[in-house]
């Protein structure tokens, strides 16, 4: 791997909710996703932390957890 790519870290998680623009596409709640470490915007909702990601920030997605 080139040195410029070795520093990049990835994060992973599971889809909790799907925005209305993405419904009916290839996304499912519970789907495992991998994304860049600093992608998206973290929000707090009912004392829970969530990461809101635009579809283009998801690098890899797979089957439900």
C-alpha atoms as a PDB file:
ATOM      1  CA  UNK A   1       0.000   0.000   0.000  1.00  0.00           C
ATOM      2  CA  UNK A   2       1.293   3.501  -0.745  1.00  0.00           C
ATOM      3  CA  UNK A   3       2.451   5.452   2.318  1.00  0.00           C
ATOM      4  CA  UNK A   4      -0.284   8.039   1.707  1.00  0.00           C
ATOM      5  CA  UNK A   5      -2.931   5.373   2.346  1.00  0.00           C
ATOM      6  CA  UNK A   6      -1.356   3.677   5.354  1.00  0.00           C
ATOM      7  CA  UNK A   7      -2.425   6.458   7.750  1.00  0.00           C
ATOM      8  CA  UNK A   8      -6.113   6.185   6.925  1.00  0.00           C
ATOM      9  CA  UNK A   9      -8.192   4.551   9.620  1.00  0.00           C
ATOM     10  CA  UNK A  10     -11.578   2.929   9.124  1.00  0.00           C
ATOM     11  CA  UNK A  11     -14.545   2.692  11.431  1.00  0.00           C
ATOM     12  CA  UNK A  12     -17.486   0.348  11.334  1.00  0.00           C
ATOM     13  CA  UNK A  13     -21.012   0.117  12.614  1.00  0.00           C
ATOM     14  CA  UNK A  14     -24.548  -0.953  11.826  1.00  0.00           C
ATOM     15  CA  UNK A  15     -27.338   0.908  10.080  1.00  0.00           C
ATOM     16  CA  UNK A  16     -29.869   2.029  12.676  1.00  0.00           C
ATOM     17  CA  UNK A  17     -32.194   4.092  10.473  1.00  0.00           C
ATOM     18  CA  UNK A  18     -32.386   4.891   6.765  1.00  0.00           C
ATOM     19  CA  UNK A  19     -33.193   8.330   5.373  1.00  0.00           C
ATOM     20  CA  UNK A  20     -36.184   8.706   3.082  1.00  0.00           C
ATOM     21  CA  UNK A  21     -33.890   9.377   0.094  1.00  0.00           C
ATOM     22  CA  UNK A  22     -32.309   5.904   0.496  1.00  0.00           C
ATOM     23  CA  UNK A  23     -35.408   3.798   1.240  1.00  0.00           C
ATOM     24  CA  UNK A  24     -36.028   1.021  -1.241  1.00  0.00           C
ATOM     25  CA  UNK A  25     -32.419   0.946  -2.403  1.00  0.00           C
ATOM     26  CA  UNK A  26     -29.683  -1.451  -1.261  1.00  0.00           C
ATOM     27  CA  UNK A  27     -29.754  -0.372   2.423  1.00  0.00           C
ATOM     28  CA  UNK A  28     -31.352  -2.343   5.254  1.00  0.00           C
ATOM     29  CA  UNK A  29     -31.555  -1.607   8.964  1.00  0.00           C
ATOM     30  CA  UNK A  30     -28.999  -3.715  10.809  1.00  0.00           C
ATOM     31  CA  UNK A  31     -26.627  -3.802   7.810  1.00  0.00           C
ATOM     32  CA  UNK A  32     -22.903  -3.777   8.664  1.00  0.00           C
ATOM     33  CA  UNK A  33     -21.016  -0.807   7.151  1.00  0.00           C
ATOM     34  CA  UNK A  34     -17.401   0.388   7.047  1.00  0.00           C
ATOM     35  CA  UNK A  35     -16.590   4.081   6.654  1.00  0.00           C
ATOM     36  CA  UNK A  36     -13.671   6.498   6.998  1.00  0.00           C
ATOM     37  CA  UNK A  37     -12.760   7.337  10.593  1.00  0.00           C
ATOM     38  CA  UNK A  38     -13.847  10.989  10.481  1.00  0.00           C
ATOM     39  CA  UNK A  39     -16.846  10.594   8.169  1.00  0.00           C
ATOM     40  CA  UNK A  40     -20.303  11.857   9.041  1.00  0.00           C
ATOM     41  CA  UNK A  41     -21.640  13.981  11.872  1.00  0.00           C
ATOM     42  CA  UNK A  42     -22.153  12.707  15.423  1.00  0.00           C
ATOM     43  CA  UNK A  43     -25.438  13.648  17.103  1.00  0.00           C
ATOM     44  CA  UNK A  44     -27.012  12.933  20.491  1.00  0.00           C
ATOM     45  CA  UNK A  45     -30.603  11.746  20.633  1.00  0.00           C
ATOM     46  CA  UNK A  46     -32.264  10.564  23.851  1.00  0.00           C
ATOM     47  CA  UNK A  47     -28.832  10.298  25.527  1.00  0.00           C
ATOM     48  CA  UNK A  48     -27.578   8.009  22.738  1.00  0.00           C
ATOM     49  CA  UNK A  49     -24.796   8.928  20.329  1.00  0.00           C
ATOM     50  CA  UNK A  50     -25.469   8.351  16.615  1.00  0.00           C
ATOM     51  CA  UNK A  51     -23.379   8.991  13.530  1.00  0.00           C
ATOM     52  CA  UNK A  52     -25.237  10.458  10.567  1.00  0.00           C
ATOM     53  CA  UNK A  53     -23.497   9.488   7.314  1.00  0.00           C
ATOM     54  CA  UNK A  54     -24.288  10.452   3.760  1.00  0.00           C
ATOM     55  CA  UNK A  55     -24.521   7.426   1.490  1.00  0.00           C
ATOM     56  CA  UNK A  56     -21.320   8.337  -0.356  1.00  0.00           C
ATOM     57  CA  UNK A  57     -19.279   8.122   2.889  1.00  0.00           C
ATOM     58  CA  UNK A  58     -20.007   4.389   3.255  1.00  0.00           C
ATOM     59  CA  UNK A  59     -17.031   2.529   1.805  1.00  0.00           C
ATOM     60  CA  UNK A  60     -18.208  -1.081   2.218  1.00  0.00           C
ATOM     61  CA  UNK A  61     -21.530  -2.583   3.207  1.00  0.00           C
ATOM     62  CA  UNK A  62     -22.589  -6.141   3.844  1.00  0.00           C
ATOM     63  CA  UNK A  63     -25.246  -8.419   5.226  1.00  0.00           C
ATOM     64  CA  UNK A  64     -27.243  -7.648   8.334  1.00  0.00           C
ATOM     65  CA  UNK A  65     -25.300  -8.162  11.555  1.00  0.00           C
END
